[in-house]
Amino acid sequence: MGDTPGPTEPTLEEQIAAYQREFQDLDPQVEKIVSALGRLNRRMNVAYGRQTATLGISNAEWEVLKALVLSGAPYQMGPGDLAKRLGLTPAAMTHRIDRMVSEGLVTRERDENNRVRVIVELTAEGREKWLEAMRLATVFEEDLLQDLTPVERGVLGEVLTRLLRRVEHAQPDAGGRLTDLD
């Protein structure tokens, strides 16, 4: 028994034509940009997920490693701060940290100066996983952008940053998730 392929996703042009058929006020240029960004984001997340899976970690764990690295040495944060940064509930963050502690990626200890506070810290193994994920991502990203000249990369970076700023200004609370993905 062979696998029967599922329905294929319409091309951007087919999608826009269908939208225009159903919603005449659509600006096809805007829709092409927004749809292409959405598809690119989805496919990049799948690619990154495949890469992190080869390292034995999930995208969810990668996000925690990244947040700890971005916090700077000594790569420590409280679980509440991590949950806020990642847009998770405290319960979901606790579940994620539990898994990562058991895998040796992070430690969770009481703060010696404030016994009520808990500190999550990146381990050497966690940092090595982060570095290896960065190495893989760099290769993927360079391949993704290989057809763009340095000038085009600069322009694209500036344009996307402007779009990001507009969304962040209009939706300042939208940095996290609306639902937990764990």
N, C-alpha and C. Protein backbone atom coordinates (compact mmCIF):
# COMPACT_ATOMS: atom_id res chain seq x y z
N MET A 1 0.84 -1.18 0.00
CA MET A 1 0.00 0.00 0.00
C MET A 1 0.88 1.24 0.00
N GLY A 2 0.76 2.04 -1.00
CA GLY A 2 1.53 3.27 -1.08
C GLY A 2 0.81 4.41 -0.40
N ASP A 3 1.58 5.37 0.03
CA ASP A 3 0.98 6.56 0.62
C ASP A 3 0.39 7.42 -0.48
N THR A 4 -0.84 7.83 -0.28
CA THR A 4 -1.49 8.72 -1.22
C THR A 4 -1.21 10.15 -0.76
N PRO A 5 -0.61 10.94 -1.65
CA PRO A 5 -0.32 12.31 -1.22
C PRO A 5 -1.61 13.07 -0.97
N GLY A 6 -1.56 13.93 0.04
CA GLY A 6 -2.72 14.75 0.36
C GLY A 6 -2.85 15.89 -0.62
N PRO A 7 -3.87 16.68 -0.44
CA PRO A 7 -4.04 17.83 -1.35
C PRO A 7 -2.86 18.78 -1.22
N THR A 8 -2.43 19.29 -2.35
CA THR A 8 -1.30 20.21 -2.34
C THR A 8 -1.80 21.62 -2.03
N GLU A 9 -0.94 22.37 -1.45
CA GLU A 9 -1.26 23.76 -1.14
C GLU A 9 -1.30 24.55 -2.45
N PRO A 10 -2.29 25.42 -2.61
CA PRO A 10 -2.33 26.21 -3.85
C PRO A 10 -1.11 27.13 -3.93
N THR A 11 -0.74 27.49 -5.14
CA THR A 11 0.32 28.47 -5.30
C THR A 11 -0.17 29.80 -4.73
N LEU A 12 0.76 30.71 -4.52
CA LEU A 12 0.35 32.04 -4.05
C LEU A 12 -0.64 32.68 -5.03
N GLU A 13 -0.36 32.53 -6.31
CA GLU A 13 -1.24 33.11 -7.32
C GLU A 13 -2.63 32.50 -7.27
N GLU A 14 -2.71 31.17 -7.11
CA GLU A 14 -4.02 30.50 -7.00
C GLU A 14 -4.76 30.96 -5.74
N GLN A 15 -4.03 31.08 -4.65
CA GLN A 15 -4.64 31.53 -3.40
C GLN A 15 -5.20 32.94 -3.55
N ILE A 16 -4.42 33.83 -4.12
CA ILE A 16 -4.84 35.22 -4.28
C ILE A 16 -6.04 35.30 -5.22
N ALA A 17 -6.03 34.52 -6.30
CA ALA A 17 -7.16 34.52 -7.23
C ALA A 17 -8.43 34.06 -6.52
N ALA A 18 -8.32 33.02 -5.68
CA ALA A 18 -9.49 32.54 -4.94
C ALA A 18 -9.98 33.59 -3.95
N TYR A 19 -9.05 34.24 -3.26
CA TYR A 19 -9.44 35.31 -2.32
C TYR A 19 -10.13 36.44 -3.06
N GLN A 20 -9.59 36.83 -4.21
CA GLN A 20 -10.18 37.93 -4.97
C GLN A 20 -11.59 37.55 -5.46
N ARG A 21 -11.78 36.29 -5.81
CA ARG A 21 -13.08 35.82 -6.24
C ARG A 21 -14.11 35.98 -5.12
N GLU A 22 -13.67 35.72 -3.89
CA GLU A 22 -14.58 35.74 -2.75
C GLU A 22 -14.62 37.09 -2.02
N PHE A 23 -13.56 37.88 -2.20
CA PHE A 23 -13.46 39.16 -1.48
C PHE A 23 -12.83 40.18 -2.42
N GLN A 24 -13.67 40.94 -3.10
CA GLN A 24 -13.20 41.83 -4.17
C GLN A 24 -12.35 42.99 -3.67
N ASP A 25 -12.42 43.35 -2.41
CA ASP A 25 -11.65 44.48 -1.88
C ASP A 25 -10.19 44.14 -1.60
N LEU A 26 -9.79 42.94 -1.87
CA LEU A 26 -8.43 42.48 -1.58
C LEU A 26 -7.40 43.18 -2.47
N ASP A 27 -6.33 43.64 -1.86
CA ASP A 27 -5.19 44.18 -2.61
C ASP A 27 -4.26 43.00 -2.88
N PRO A 28 -4.16 42.55 -4.14
CA PRO A 28 -3.36 41.35 -4.43
C PRO A 28 -1.88 41.51 -4.09
N GLN A 29 -1.34 42.71 -4.19
CA GLN A 29 0.07 42.93 -3.87
C GLN A 29 0.30 42.73 -2.37
N VAL A 30 -0.58 43.29 -1.55
CA VAL A 30 -0.47 43.12 -0.09
C VAL A 30 -0.64 41.65 0.27
N GLU A 31 -1.65 41.01 -0.31
CA GLU A 31 -1.92 39.60 0.01
C GLU A 31 -0.74 38.71 -0.38
N LYS A 32 -0.11 38.99 -1.50
CA LYS A 32 1.04 38.17 -1.92
C LYS A 32 2.18 38.29 -0.90
N ILE A 33 2.45 39.50 -0.42
CA ILE A 33 3.51 39.70 0.56
C ILE A 33 3.18 38.98 1.86
N VAL A 34 1.98 39.21 2.37
CA VAL A 34 1.60 38.64 3.66
C VAL A 34 1.53 37.11 3.59
N SER A 35 0.98 36.59 2.51
CA SER A 35 0.89 35.13 2.35
C SER A 35 2.27 34.51 2.21
N ALA A 36 3.16 35.16 1.44
CA ALA A 36 4.52 34.64 1.28
C ALA A 36 5.26 34.64 2.62
N LEU A 37 5.09 35.71 3.41
CA LEU A 37 5.73 35.75 4.73
C LEU A 37 5.20 34.64 5.63
N GLY A 38 3.90 34.43 5.61
CA GLY A 38 3.31 33.37 6.43
C GLY A 38 3.82 31.99 6.04
N ARG A 39 3.84 31.73 4.75
CA ARG A 39 4.33 30.43 4.28
C ARG A 39 5.81 30.25 4.60
N LEU A 40 6.59 31.30 4.39
CA LEU A 40 8.02 31.24 4.68
C LEU A 40 8.23 30.94 6.17
N ASN A 41 7.51 31.64 7.03
CA ASN A 41 7.63 31.42 8.47
C ASN A 41 7.29 29.97 8.84
N ARG A 42 6.20 29.47 8.28
CA ARG A 42 5.79 28.09 8.58
C ARG A 42 6.85 27.09 8.13
N ARG A 43 7.34 27.26 6.93
CA ARG A 43 8.34 26.32 6.41
C ARG A 43 9.68 26.43 7.15
N MET A 44 10.04 27.64 7.53
CA MET A 44 11.28 27.80 8.30
C MET A 44 11.15 27.13 9.67
N ASN A 45 9.99 27.25 10.31
CA ASN A 45 9.78 26.59 11.60
C ASN A 45 9.89 25.08 11.47
N VAL A 46 9.36 24.52 10.38
CA VAL A 46 9.49 23.08 10.14
C VAL A 46 10.96 22.71 9.97
N ALA A 47 11.68 23.50 9.17
CA ALA A 47 13.10 23.21 8.93
C ALA A 47 13.90 23.29 10.23
N TYR A 48 13.66 24.33 11.03
CA TYR A 48 14.36 24.44 12.32
C TYR A 48 14.00 23.28 13.24
N GLY A 49 12.73 22.88 13.22
CA GLY A 49 12.31 21.74 14.05
C GLY A 49 13.02 20.46 13.67
N ARG A 50 13.21 20.25 12.38
CA ARG A 50 13.94 19.07 11.92
C ARG A 50 15.40 19.12 12.38
N GLN A 51 15.97 20.33 12.33
CA GLN A 51 17.36 20.47 12.77
C GLN A 51 17.50 20.21 14.27
N THR A 52 16.64 20.81 15.08
CA THR A 52 16.75 20.60 16.53
C THR A 52 16.48 19.14 16.88
N ALA A 53 15.59 18.49 16.12
CA ALA A 53 15.31 17.07 16.38
C ALA A 53 16.55 16.22 16.18
N THR A 54 17.41 16.59 15.20
CA THR A 54 18.64 15.82 14.99
C THR A 54 19.58 15.96 16.18
N LEU A 55 19.38 17.03 16.97
CA LEU A 55 20.20 17.25 18.16
C LEU A 55 19.57 16.66 19.42
N GLY A 56 18.37 16.10 19.26
CA GLY A 56 17.69 15.50 20.41
C GLY A 56 16.95 16.51 21.27
N ILE A 57 16.66 17.68 20.71
CA ILE A 57 15.88 18.67 21.45
C ILE A 57 14.71 19.11 20.59
N SER A 58 13.71 19.68 21.23
CA SER A 58 12.54 20.18 20.52
C SER A 58 12.70 21.68 20.26
N ASN A 59 11.86 22.21 19.38
CA ASN A 59 11.85 23.66 19.18
C ASN A 59 11.53 24.38 20.49
N ALA A 60 10.65 23.79 21.29
CA ALA A 60 10.28 24.39 22.58
C ALA A 60 11.50 24.49 23.49
N GLU A 61 12.30 23.43 23.52
CA GLU A 61 13.52 23.46 24.34
C GLU A 61 14.54 24.44 23.77
N TRP A 62 14.63 24.50 22.45
CA TRP A 62 15.51 25.46 21.79
C TRP A 62 15.17 26.88 22.22
N GLU A 63 13.87 27.19 22.32
CA GLU A 63 13.46 28.54 22.72
C GLU A 63 13.96 28.88 24.12
N VAL A 64 13.94 27.91 25.03
CA VAL A 64 14.43 28.15 26.39
C VAL A 64 15.95 28.36 26.36
N LEU A 65 16.65 27.51 25.63
CA LEU A 65 18.11 27.67 25.53
C LEU A 65 18.46 29.05 24.98
N LYS A 66 17.74 29.45 23.93
CA LYS A 66 17.98 30.75 23.32
C LYS A 66 17.72 31.89 24.30
N ALA A 67 16.63 31.81 25.04
CA ALA A 67 16.31 32.86 26.02
C ALA A 67 17.40 32.96 27.07
N LEU A 68 17.92 31.83 27.53
CA LEU A 68 18.98 31.85 28.54
C LEU A 68 20.27 32.45 27.98
N VAL A 69 20.62 32.09 26.74
CA VAL A 69 21.82 32.65 26.12
C VAL A 69 21.66 34.16 25.93
N LEU A 70 20.47 34.58 25.49
CA LEU A 70 20.23 36.01 25.28
C LEU A 70 20.28 36.82 26.57
N SER A 71 20.05 36.14 27.70
CA SER A 71 20.11 36.85 28.99
C SER A 71 21.54 37.21 29.35
N GLY A 72 22.52 36.58 28.71
CA GLY A 72 23.93 36.85 28.98
C GLY A 72 24.46 36.02 30.12
N ALA A 73 25.79 35.93 30.19
CA ALA A 73 26.44 35.16 31.25
C ALA A 73 26.00 35.73 32.59
N PRO A 74 25.68 34.93 33.54
CA PRO A 74 25.88 33.49 33.65
C PRO A 74 24.71 32.65 33.13
N TYR A 75 23.90 33.16 32.21
CA TYR A 75 22.83 32.43 31.55
C TYR A 75 21.81 31.88 32.54
N GLN A 76 21.27 32.79 33.34
CA GLN A 76 20.30 32.44 34.37
C GLN A 76 19.06 33.33 34.25
N MET A 77 17.91 32.72 34.53
CA MET A 77 16.66 33.47 34.59
C MET A 77 15.72 32.75 35.55
N GLY A 78 14.78 33.48 36.08
CA GLY A 78 13.73 32.85 36.87
C GLY A 78 12.70 32.22 35.95
N PRO A 79 12.01 31.19 36.41
CA PRO A 79 10.99 30.55 35.57
C PRO A 79 9.88 31.50 35.14
N GLY A 80 9.50 32.43 36.01
CA GLY A 80 8.47 33.40 35.66
C GLY A 80 8.91 34.31 34.52
N ASP A 81 10.18 34.75 34.58
CA ASP A 81 10.72 35.59 33.52
C ASP A 81 10.81 34.82 32.20
N LEU A 82 11.21 33.55 32.29
CA LEU A 82 11.26 32.72 31.08
C LEU A 82 9.87 32.55 30.48
N ALA A 83 8.89 32.29 31.34
CA ALA A 83 7.51 32.11 30.87
C ALA A 83 7.02 33.37 30.16
N LYS A 84 7.28 34.53 30.75
CA LYS A 84 6.87 35.79 30.12
C LYS A 84 7.57 35.98 28.78
N ARG A 85 8.87 35.75 28.76
CA ARG A 85 9.65 35.94 27.54
C ARG A 85 9.13 35.05 26.41
N LEU A 86 8.71 33.82 26.77
CA LEU A 86 8.27 32.87 25.75
C LEU A 86 6.76 32.86 25.54
N GLY A 87 6.04 33.67 26.32
CA GLY A 87 4.59 33.72 26.17
C GLY A 87 3.89 32.46 26.63
N LEU A 88 4.40 31.86 27.70
CA LEU A 88 3.84 30.63 28.24
C LEU A 88 3.22 30.85 29.60
N THR A 89 2.34 29.94 29.98
CA THR A 89 1.81 29.95 31.34
C THR A 89 2.90 29.44 32.27
N PRO A 90 2.85 29.80 33.56
CA PRO A 90 3.83 29.26 34.51
C PRO A 90 3.82 27.72 34.54
N ALA A 91 2.64 27.12 34.44
CA ALA A 91 2.56 25.65 34.47
C ALA A 91 3.26 25.03 33.26
N ALA A 92 3.05 25.62 32.09
CA ALA A 92 3.70 25.11 30.89
C ALA A 92 5.22 25.27 30.99
N MET A 93 5.66 26.40 31.56
CA MET A 93 7.09 26.63 31.72
C MET A 93 7.68 25.62 32.69
N THR A 94 6.99 25.34 33.77
CA THR A 94 7.46 24.34 34.74
C THR A 94 7.61 22.99 34.08
N HIS A 95 6.63 22.60 33.27
CA HIS A 95 6.69 21.33 32.55
C HIS A 95 7.91 21.28 31.64
N ARG A 96 8.14 22.36 30.93
CA ARG A 96 9.27 22.42 30.00
C ARG A 96 10.59 22.36 30.76
N ILE A 97 10.70 23.11 31.85
CA ILE A 97 11.93 23.10 32.65
C ILE A 97 12.17 21.71 33.24
N ASP A 98 11.12 21.07 33.75
CA ASP A 98 11.26 19.71 34.29
C ASP A 98 11.92 18.78 33.26
N ARG A 99 11.41 18.83 32.04
CA ARG A 99 11.93 17.98 30.97
C ARG A 99 13.39 18.31 30.69
N MET A 100 13.71 19.60 30.65
CA MET A 100 15.07 20.02 30.32
C MET A 100 16.06 19.72 31.44
N VAL A 101 15.61 19.78 32.69
CA VAL A 101 16.47 19.39 33.81
C VAL A 101 16.80 17.91 33.69
N SER A 102 15.79 17.08 33.40
CA SER A 102 16.03 15.64 33.28
C SER A 102 16.95 15.30 32.11
N GLU A 103 16.99 16.16 31.10
CA GLU A 103 17.86 15.95 29.94
C GLU A 103 19.24 16.57 30.13
N GLY A 104 19.47 17.26 31.26
CA GLY A 104 20.77 17.85 31.54
C GLY A 104 21.04 19.16 30.80
N LEU A 105 20.00 19.78 30.25
CA LEU A 105 20.19 21.02 29.49
C LEU A 105 20.22 22.25 30.38
N VAL A 106 19.50 22.20 31.50
CA VAL A 106 19.45 23.31 32.46
C VAL A 106 19.45 22.73 33.87
N THR A 107 19.77 23.59 34.81
CA THR A 107 19.60 23.24 36.23
C THR A 107 18.55 24.18 36.80
N ARG A 108 17.95 23.75 37.90
CA ARG A 108 16.98 24.58 38.60
C ARG A 108 17.36 24.51 40.08
N GLU A 109 17.74 25.65 40.62
CA GLU A 109 18.19 25.72 42.01
C GLU A 109 17.52 26.88 42.72
N ARG A 110 17.45 26.80 44.02
CA ARG A 110 16.96 27.94 44.83
C ARG A 110 18.04 29.00 44.87
N ASP A 111 17.63 30.24 44.82
CA ASP A 111 18.55 31.37 44.93
C ASP A 111 19.07 31.41 46.36
N GLU A 112 20.39 31.41 46.53
CA GLU A 112 20.99 31.43 47.87
C GLU A 112 20.65 32.70 48.64
N ASN A 113 20.44 33.80 47.91
CA ASN A 113 20.11 35.07 48.57
C ASN A 113 18.63 35.25 48.85
N ASN A 114 17.80 34.48 48.17
CA ASN A 114 16.36 34.56 48.34
C ASN A 114 15.79 33.16 48.14
N ARG A 115 15.62 32.42 49.20
CA ARG A 115 15.25 31.01 49.13
C ARG A 115 13.89 30.77 48.48
N VAL A 116 13.10 31.81 48.32
CA VAL A 116 11.80 31.67 47.66
C VAL A 116 11.98 31.65 46.14
N ARG A 117 13.00 32.34 45.67
CA ARG A 117 13.24 32.48 44.22
C ARG A 117 13.99 31.26 43.68
N VAL A 118 13.57 30.83 42.50
CA VAL A 118 14.22 29.72 41.80
C VAL A 118 14.98 30.30 40.61
N ILE A 119 16.13 29.72 40.34
CA ILE A 119 16.95 30.16 39.20
C ILE A 119 17.14 28.98 38.25
N VAL A 120 16.87 29.23 36.98
CA VAL A 120 17.12 28.25 35.93
C VAL A 120 18.40 28.68 35.25
N GLU A 121 19.34 27.75 35.13
CA GLU A 121 20.65 28.08 34.55
C GLU A 121 21.00 27.09 33.45
N LEU A 122 21.57 27.61 32.39
CA LEU A 122 22.03 26.81 31.27
C LEU A 122 23.22 25.97 31.71
N THR A 123 23.23 24.69 31.35
CA THR A 123 24.37 23.83 31.64
C THR A 123 25.34 23.87 30.45
N ALA A 124 26.52 23.30 30.66
CA ALA A 124 27.49 23.21 29.57
C ALA A 124 26.89 22.41 28.41
N GLU A 125 26.17 21.34 28.72
CA GLU A 125 25.53 20.54 27.66
C GLU A 125 24.45 21.35 26.94
N GLY A 126 23.68 22.12 27.69
CA GLY A 126 22.66 22.97 27.08
C GLY A 126 23.28 24.01 26.16
N ARG A 127 24.39 24.60 26.61
CA ARG A 127 25.07 25.59 25.77
C ARG A 127 25.63 24.94 24.51
N GLU A 128 26.15 23.74 24.63
CA GLU A 128 26.68 23.04 23.46
C GLU A 128 25.55 22.72 22.46
N LYS A 129 24.39 22.33 22.97
CA LYS A 129 23.23 22.09 22.09
C LYS A 129 22.85 23.39 21.38
N TRP A 130 22.85 24.49 22.11
CA TRP A 130 22.52 25.79 21.51
C TRP A 130 23.52 26.13 20.41
N LEU A 131 24.81 25.95 20.69
CA LEU A 131 25.84 26.25 19.69
C LEU A 131 25.69 25.38 18.44
N GLU A 132 25.41 24.10 18.63
CA GLU A 132 25.25 23.20 17.49
C GLU A 132 24.00 23.58 16.68
N ALA A 133 22.93 23.95 17.36
CA ALA A 133 21.72 24.40 16.66
C ALA A 133 22.02 25.67 15.87
N MET A 134 22.82 26.56 16.43
CA MET A 134 23.19 27.78 15.72
C MET A 134 24.03 27.47 14.48
N ARG A 135 24.92 26.48 14.60
CA ARG A 135 25.73 26.09 13.44
C ARG A 135 24.83 25.58 12.31
N LEU A 136 23.89 24.72 12.66
CA LEU A 136 22.96 24.18 11.66
C LEU A 136 22.09 25.29 11.07
N ALA A 137 21.59 26.17 11.92
CA ALA A 137 20.72 27.26 11.45
C ALA A 137 21.48 28.19 10.52
N THR A 138 22.73 28.45 10.82
CA THR A 138 23.53 29.34 9.98
C THR A 138 23.67 28.78 8.57
N VAL A 139 23.91 27.49 8.46
CA VAL A 139 24.02 26.86 7.14
C VAL A 139 22.69 26.97 6.40
N PHE A 140 21.59 26.66 7.08
CA PHE A 140 20.25 26.74 6.48
C PHE A 140 19.94 28.16 6.03
N GLU A 141 20.23 29.13 6.87
CA GLU A 141 19.91 30.53 6.58
C GLU A 141 20.75 31.08 5.44
N GLU A 142 22.03 30.71 5.39
CA GLU A 142 22.87 31.14 4.28
C GLU A 142 22.36 30.55 2.97
N ASP A 143 21.94 29.29 3.00
CA ASP A 143 21.38 28.65 1.81
C ASP A 143 20.08 29.34 1.40
N LEU A 144 19.25 29.67 2.36
CA LEU A 144 17.98 30.35 2.09
C LEU A 144 18.19 31.67 1.36
N LEU A 145 19.21 32.41 1.77
CA LEU A 145 19.44 33.76 1.24
C LEU A 145 20.50 33.82 0.13
N GLN A 146 20.93 32.66 -0.35
CA GLN A 146 22.04 32.62 -1.31
C GLN A 146 21.80 33.40 -2.59
N ASP A 147 20.56 33.54 -3.02
CA ASP A 147 20.28 34.23 -4.27
C ASP A 147 20.19 35.75 -4.12
N LEU A 148 20.30 36.24 -2.89
CA LEU A 148 20.22 37.68 -2.65
C LEU A 148 21.62 38.27 -2.56
N THR A 149 21.79 39.42 -3.17
CA THR A 149 23.06 40.13 -3.06
C THR A 149 23.15 40.72 -1.66
N PRO A 150 24.34 41.12 -1.24
CA PRO A 150 24.46 41.79 0.06
C PRO A 150 23.55 43.02 0.17
N VAL A 151 23.41 43.77 -0.92
CA VAL A 151 22.54 44.95 -0.90
C VAL A 151 21.08 44.51 -0.71
N GLU A 152 20.66 43.49 -1.44
CA GLU A 152 19.28 42.99 -1.29
C GLU A 152 19.03 42.47 0.12
N ARG A 153 20.01 41.78 0.69
CA ARG A 153 19.87 41.30 2.07
C ARG A 153 19.67 42.47 3.03
N GLY A 154 20.46 43.52 2.83
CA GLY A 154 20.34 44.70 3.68
C GLY A 154 18.97 45.35 3.55
N VAL A 155 18.51 45.51 2.31
CA VAL A 155 17.20 46.12 2.07
C VAL A 155 16.10 45.24 2.67
N LEU A 156 16.16 43.94 2.43
CA LEU A 156 15.15 43.04 2.98
C LEU A 156 15.14 43.10 4.50
N GLY A 157 16.30 43.10 5.11
CA GLY A 157 16.39 43.20 6.56
C GLY A 157 15.75 44.47 7.08
N GLU A 158 16.02 45.59 6.42
CA GLU A 158 15.44 46.87 6.84
C GLU A 158 13.92 46.89 6.67
N VAL A 159 13.43 46.39 5.54
CA VAL A 159 11.99 46.38 5.28
C VAL A 159 11.28 45.48 6.29
N LEU A 160 11.80 44.29 6.52
CA LEU A 160 11.17 43.39 7.48
C LEU A 160 11.21 43.95 8.89
N THR A 161 12.28 44.63 9.24
CA THR A 161 12.38 45.26 10.56
C THR A 161 11.33 46.35 10.71
N ARG A 162 11.09 47.13 9.65
CA ARG A 162 10.04 48.15 9.70
C ARG A 162 8.67 47.52 9.89
N LEU A 163 8.41 46.43 9.18
CA LEU A 163 7.13 45.73 9.35
C LEU A 163 6.99 45.20 10.77
N LEU A 164 8.06 44.62 11.29
CA LEU A 164 8.05 44.09 12.65
C LEU A 164 7.77 45.19 13.66
N ARG A 165 8.41 46.33 13.50
CA ARG A 165 8.17 47.46 14.42
C ARG A 165 6.72 47.90 14.38
N ARG A 166 6.11 47.94 13.19
CA ARG A 166 4.72 48.35 13.06
C ARG A 166 3.80 47.38 13.81
N VAL A 167 4.05 46.08 13.65
CA VAL A 167 3.23 45.09 14.35
C VAL A 167 3.46 45.18 15.85
N GLU A 168 4.72 45.33 16.26
CA GLU A 168 5.01 45.44 17.69
C GLU A 168 4.37 46.67 18.30
N HIS A 169 4.32 47.75 17.56
CA HIS A 169 3.68 48.97 18.06
C HIS A 169 2.16 48.78 18.16
N ALA A 170 1.57 48.18 17.14
CA ALA A 170 0.12 47.98 17.12
C ALA A 170 -0.34 46.88 18.06
N GLN A 171 0.51 45.88 18.28
CA GLN A 171 0.17 44.72 19.10
C GLN A 171 1.28 44.46 20.13
N PRO A 172 1.49 45.36 21.07
CA PRO A 172 2.64 45.21 21.98
C PRO A 172 2.58 43.96 22.86
N ASP A 173 1.41 43.39 23.03
CA ASP A 173 1.26 42.21 23.88
C ASP A 173 1.31 40.91 23.08
N ALA A 174 1.64 40.96 21.81
CA ALA A 174 1.57 39.78 20.96
C ALA A 174 2.91 39.05 20.81
N GLY A 175 3.84 39.26 21.72
CA GLY A 175 5.15 38.60 21.60
C GLY A 175 5.12 37.12 21.91
N GLY A 176 4.18 36.70 22.74
CA GLY A 176 4.09 35.30 23.12
C GLY A 176 3.04 34.57 22.31
N ARG A 177 2.71 33.41 22.78
CA ARG A 177 1.71 32.59 22.12
C ARG A 177 0.36 32.81 22.77
N LEU A 178 -0.68 32.55 21.99
CA LEU A 178 -2.03 32.60 22.55
C LEU A 178 -2.36 31.28 23.26
N THR A 179 -1.72 30.21 22.82
CA THR A 179 -1.91 28.89 23.44
C THR A 179 -0.56 28.22 23.56
N ASP A 180 -0.47 27.28 24.47
CA ASP A 180 0.79 26.55 24.66
C ASP A 180 0.93 25.49 23.59
N LEU A 181 2.13 25.34 23.06
CA LEU A 181 2.39 24.36 22.02
C LEU A 181 3.05 23.11 22.55
N ASP A 182 3.26 22.99 23.82
CA ASP A 182 3.92 21.78 24.37
C ASP A 182 2.97 20.63 24.42
